[in-house]
Structure formats: C-alpha cells, structure tokens
Amino acid sequence: MRPRFLLLPLLAMLAPAAASACTLYVPRPPTAAEQQAGARAAVDRAAAIIDGEVIRPFVPGRAPALVRVHRRFKGPQRAVVEIGVVTSCDVPLMRMGERARMLLSGGPDLYVIHMGVVSEREVDRLLGSDRRRDWPYVRGTAEAPRAPAS
C-alpha cells in the first residue's frame, strides 16, 4: 500500500481567490527517510495539532473559520480555535462540517494551516494515532464512514 500524502494544493484549487499565488513544487516523491524527517519537522514546528470540525467556514475578508476541537495532540487546551488565511499558501477552511487532522501555525488567537506535502502516515506514527481508526471520516466531508451493506 502506498503512503498517503496530504496534498493541500488540491484545496487551493477549490478556493482560487485565496490561494492563487501559491505554488508548491515537488520534483520527485520523497524517500522514506525524507517522509520521516518532514513529518518530524512539521510536528515540531506546529503550534497546535488537533482533530477538528469546521463549525463556521472561512469568509474571505470577513471572518476566519471556527473549528471545534475534538482531540488535541499539541497546543493549548481549547474547545474551539479560529483558523484564518494570512498568505496565499495558507489553507482556507471553506466547507461547513469539514473534518480533518490539522497541523496549525501561529496562534493563540488566530491559527493558520500552511500548504505542503507531509506524509499523513508518518505524522500519525509520531502522534501515536492512526487517523483512519481514531478520526475515521471521509476526507473533506462531514460524513462518517458507512457500515458495510449486509
């Protein structure tokens, strides 16, 4: 099974006004050692790491997204956090109900999520939590996984 990567540029395509100037270039797939080092750097750099759900979407020029914290791995103990967009390389959370594991920068009043390519599997290993088991939601939606048909 191939390792899954967090390809946030796809989110940028969904919100071209907020991220039109950001370009990420990955010349080749990272090696296993590069994946581990990249995940370690991302976890170390993060001001907070949460599993969260968007309860108020980001509105460009008006309001940051409001995210309900379901699980905190790193950072201050808070029930909700505001996540905004400061540069064109930040991820706008524009869909109500979107659920994700988020590596946050900035804070404590306003956090941001920077675009990048990070191995989800390696981040999960470092956190001791498999998001497929502990946070099993379809990426980018509020739907819980469906039970197998009988």
Protein backbone atom coordinates (compact mmCIF):
# COMPACT_ATOMS: atom_id res chain seq x y z
CA MET A 1 0.00 0.00 0.00
CA ARG A 2 1.40 3.41 -0.97
CA PRO A 3 1.75 6.01 1.78
CA ARG A 4 -0.91 8.68 1.56
CA PHE A 5 0.17 12.26 1.30
CA LEU A 6 -1.56 15.37 2.42
CA LEU A 7 -1.80 17.22 -0.89
CA LEU A 8 -3.14 20.55 0.17
CA PRO A 9 -2.73 22.22 -3.23
CA LEU A 10 -5.97 20.46 -4.14
CA LEU A 11 -7.68 22.56 -1.50
CA ALA A 12 -6.13 25.63 -3.06
CA MET A 13 -7.83 24.82 -6.35
CA LEU A 14 -11.17 24.84 -4.55
CA ALA A 15 -10.51 28.40 -3.35
CA PRO A 16 -8.56 30.08 -6.16
CA ALA A 17 -9.06 33.62 -4.87
CA ALA A 18 -7.41 32.82 -1.55
CA ALA A 19 -4.53 30.75 -2.91
CA SER A 20 -3.95 31.79 -6.50
CA ALA A 21 -0.34 32.94 -6.00
CA CYS A 22 0.96 29.92 -4.08
CA THR A 23 2.99 27.32 -5.94
CA LEU A 24 4.42 24.13 -4.46
CA TYR A 25 6.96 22.19 -6.46
CA VAL A 26 7.82 18.60 -5.61
CA PRO A 27 10.43 17.32 -8.13
CA ARG A 28 10.07 13.66 -7.11
CA PRO A 29 8.32 11.59 -4.48
CA PRO A 30 10.15 11.80 -1.13
CA THR A 31 12.11 8.82 0.17
CA ALA A 32 11.04 7.08 3.37
CA ALA A 33 13.76 8.95 5.30
CA GLU A 34 12.59 12.26 3.83
CA GLN A 35 8.99 11.44 4.77
CA GLN A 36 10.03 10.74 8.35
CA ALA A 37 12.15 13.90 8.57
CA GLY A 38 9.41 16.03 7.00
CA ALA A 39 6.78 14.69 9.38
CA ARG A 40 9.07 15.24 12.40
CA ALA A 41 9.77 18.83 11.30
CA ALA A 42 6.05 19.52 10.71
CA VAL A 43 5.07 18.14 14.14
CA ASP A 44 7.91 20.01 15.88
CA ARG A 45 7.07 23.28 14.10
CA ALA A 46 3.31 23.11 14.72
CA ALA A 47 1.97 25.44 17.41
CA ALA A 48 -1.01 23.10 17.81
CA ILE A 49 -2.17 19.78 16.36
CA ILE A 50 -5.86 18.89 16.52
CA ASP A 51 -8.59 16.74 15.06
CA GLY A 52 -11.27 19.32 14.36
CA GLU A 53 -14.55 20.08 12.62
CA VAL A 54 -15.37 23.35 10.85
CA ILE A 55 -18.40 24.88 12.56
CA ARG A 56 -18.10 28.25 10.77
CA PRO A 57 -16.37 28.39 7.39
CA PHE A 58 -13.75 30.96 6.42
CA VAL A 59 -15.23 34.01 4.66
CA PRO A 60 -12.53 35.89 2.71
CA GLY A 61 -12.06 39.41 4.00
CA ARG A 62 -14.67 38.97 6.73
CA ALA A 63 -14.17 36.11 9.18
CA PRO A 64 -11.76 33.28 9.98
CA ALA A 65 -13.03 29.72 10.18
CA LEU A 66 -14.14 28.48 13.57
CA VAL A 67 -13.15 24.87 14.32
CA ARG A 68 -14.45 22.68 17.15
CA VAL A 69 -11.60 20.69 18.66
CA HIS A 70 -12.43 17.01 19.04
CA ARG A 71 -8.92 15.85 20.02
CA ARG A 72 -5.82 17.85 20.95
CA PHE A 73 -2.35 16.42 20.41
CA LYS A 74 -0.35 19.59 20.93
CA GLY A 75 -1.05 23.16 21.94
CA PRO A 76 -3.38 24.92 24.36
CA GLN A 77 -6.48 23.20 25.69
CA ARG A 78 -9.36 24.93 23.87
CA ALA A 79 -12.85 23.89 22.80
CA VAL A 80 -12.71 25.96 19.59
CA VAL A 81 -9.97 27.67 17.56
CA GLU A 82 -10.07 30.31 14.84
CA ILE A 83 -8.19 29.46 11.67
CA GLY A 84 -7.57 32.17 9.12
CA VAL A 85 -5.61 32.87 5.97
CA VAL A 86 -2.61 35.21 6.14
CA THR A 87 -0.75 34.32 2.91
CA SER A 88 -1.69 32.72 -0.38
CA CYS A 89 -0.04 29.49 0.83
CA ASP A 90 -2.45 29.05 3.76
CA VAL A 91 -5.41 26.66 3.57
CA PRO A 92 -8.85 28.27 3.75
CA LEU A 93 -11.39 26.06 5.55
CA MET A 94 -14.43 26.95 3.48
CA ARG A 95 -16.76 23.97 3.99
CA MET A 96 -19.05 23.68 6.99
CA GLY A 97 -18.68 20.27 8.64
CA GLU A 98 -15.25 19.52 7.12
CA ARG A 99 -13.28 17.28 9.50
CA ALA A 100 -9.53 16.81 9.45
CA ARG A 101 -6.35 16.39 11.43
CA MET A 102 -4.80 19.86 11.39
CA LEU A 103 -1.22 20.97 11.96
CA LEU A 104 -1.58 24.62 12.98
CA SER A 105 0.87 27.52 12.98
CA GLY A 106 0.55 30.91 14.62
CA GLY A 107 -1.93 31.33 17.46
CA PRO A 108 -3.04 31.59 20.10
CA ASP A 109 -5.75 33.96 18.81
CA LEU A 110 -5.59 33.08 15.12
CA TYR A 111 -4.03 29.93 13.68
CA VAL A 112 -3.24 29.08 10.05
CA ILE A 113 -2.68 25.86 8.14
CA HIS A 114 0.20 26.08 5.66
CA MET A 115 0.03 24.13 2.42
CA GLY A 116 2.61 21.42 1.97
CA VAL A 117 3.24 17.77 1.31
CA VAL A 118 3.53 15.78 4.52
CA SER A 119 3.17 12.03 4.99
CA GLU A 120 -0.04 11.51 6.95
CA ARG A 121 1.13 8.05 7.97
CA GLU A 122 4.38 9.39 9.43
CA VAL A 123 2.59 12.22 11.28
CA ASP A 124 0.14 9.68 12.72
CA ARG A 125 3.02 7.41 13.78
CA LEU A 126 4.69 10.30 15.62
CA LEU A 127 1.41 11.20 17.33
CA GLY A 128 0.61 7.57 18.18
CA SER A 129 -2.78 7.85 16.49
CA ASP A 130 -4.00 6.29 13.24
CA ARG A 131 -6.48 8.82 11.81
CA ARG A 132 -8.18 6.06 9.80
CA ARG A 133 -9.15 4.42 13.09
CA ASP A 134 -9.30 7.36 15.53
CA TRP A 135 -10.76 10.00 13.21
CA PRO A 136 -12.45 7.88 10.51
CA TYR A 137 -14.21 10.43 8.35
CA VAL A 138 -14.16 10.79 4.61
CA ARG A 139 -11.58 13.49 3.85
CA GLY A 140 -13.13 16.89 3.42
CA THR A 141 -16.70 15.93 4.36
CA ALA A 142 -18.77 15.66 7.46
CA GLU A 143 -19.88 12.12 6.60
CA ALA A 144 -18.96 9.31 8.92
CA PRO A 145 -17.98 6.05 7.22
CA ARG A 146 -20.92 3.90 6.24
CA ALA A 147 -21.44 0.44 7.68
CA PRO A 148 -20.92 -2.37 5.17
CA ALA A 149 -24.10 -3.48 3.42
CA SER A 150 -25.38 -6.82 4.63
